[in-house]
């Protein structure tokens, strides 16, 4: 899978990871893919609700140690 942008929000706390994701998505074209790395456990819920409401797709979610990884395609 081609990742068009990687966004590292590790160490940031709610709502900053979500705000950084929103800003990044504004600069992507529909269909492009962003990978977001986060350490804030609240990102799971925050991203899930936002993506559903905004029409973007969560392609993959994983966790390694304390780092969450989200792969998102812009709708």
Protein backbone atom coordinates (compact mmCIF):
# COMPACT_ATOMS: atom_id res chain seq x y z
CA UNK A 1 0.00 0.00 0.00
CA UNK A 2 1.31 3.43 -0.91
CA UNK A 3 1.49 5.91 1.97
CA UNK A 4 1.35 9.50 0.68
CA UNK A 5 2.06 11.16 4.02
CA UNK A 6 3.34 10.02 7.41
CA UNK A 7 2.28 12.07 10.42
CA UNK A 8 3.99 11.55 13.78
CA UNK A 9 1.89 12.79 16.70
CA UNK A 10 3.69 10.73 19.35
CA UNK A 11 3.86 12.52 22.68
CA UNK A 12 0.92 14.79 21.89
CA UNK A 13 -2.30 14.57 23.90
CA UNK A 14 -5.94 15.03 22.96
CA UNK A 15 -7.01 16.99 20.97
CA UNK A 16 -3.69 17.68 19.22
CA UNK A 17 -3.37 14.35 17.31
CA UNK A 18 -6.86 14.83 15.87
CA UNK A 19 -6.21 18.46 14.98
CA UNK A 20 -2.96 17.52 13.21
CA UNK A 21 -4.79 14.78 11.29
CA UNK A 22 -7.55 17.18 10.20
CA UNK A 23 -4.96 19.69 8.97
CA UNK A 24 -3.01 17.00 7.10
CA UNK A 25 -6.16 15.71 5.38
CA UNK A 26 -6.94 19.22 4.09
CA UNK A 27 -3.71 19.09 2.07
CA UNK A 28 -4.36 15.64 0.55
CA UNK A 29 -6.41 14.79 -2.52
CA UNK A 30 -9.31 12.38 -2.31
CA UNK A 31 -8.01 8.80 -2.31
CA UNK A 32 -4.60 9.64 -0.88
CA UNK A 33 -3.39 7.77 2.20
CA UNK A 34 -1.90 9.06 5.46
CA UNK A 35 -0.30 7.02 8.25
CA UNK A 36 -0.63 8.58 11.69
CA UNK A 37 1.51 7.48 14.64
CA UNK A 38 0.16 8.34 18.09
CA UNK A 39 0.79 7.49 21.72
CA UNK A 40 -2.41 8.98 23.15
CA UNK A 41 -4.91 6.14 23.79
CA UNK A 42 -7.77 8.61 23.22
CA UNK A 43 -6.78 8.76 19.54
CA UNK A 44 -8.56 5.43 18.92
CA UNK A 45 -11.94 6.90 19.83
CA UNK A 46 -11.24 10.41 18.52
CA UNK A 47 -10.09 9.22 15.11
CA UNK A 48 -12.88 6.65 14.83
CA UNK A 49 -15.66 9.18 15.42
CA UNK A 50 -14.06 11.82 13.20
CA UNK A 51 -13.39 9.47 10.28
CA UNK A 52 -16.95 8.13 10.34
CA UNK A 53 -18.46 11.63 10.41
CA UNK A 54 -16.11 13.07 7.77
CA UNK A 55 -16.37 10.16 5.33
CA UNK A 56 -12.73 9.02 5.44
CA UNK A 57 -11.74 5.33 5.62
CA UNK A 58 -9.66 3.65 8.30
CA UNK A 59 -7.71 1.06 6.31
CA UNK A 60 -5.61 -0.34 9.13
CA UNK A 61 -5.02 0.11 12.84
CA UNK A 62 -2.20 -1.54 14.76
CA UNK A 63 -0.15 -1.10 17.91
CA UNK A 64 3.51 -1.76 18.61
CA UNK A 65 4.52 -1.25 22.23
CA UNK A 66 2.80 2.03 23.12
CA UNK A 67 2.65 3.45 19.58
CA UNK A 68 -0.64 3.31 17.72
CA UNK A 69 -0.58 3.33 13.92
CA UNK A 70 -3.56 4.39 11.81
CA UNK A 71 -3.65 4.14 8.01
CA UNK A 72 -6.37 6.41 6.63
CA UNK A 73 -7.63 7.07 3.10
CA UNK A 74 -9.13 10.49 2.46
CA UNK A 75 -12.73 10.28 1.26
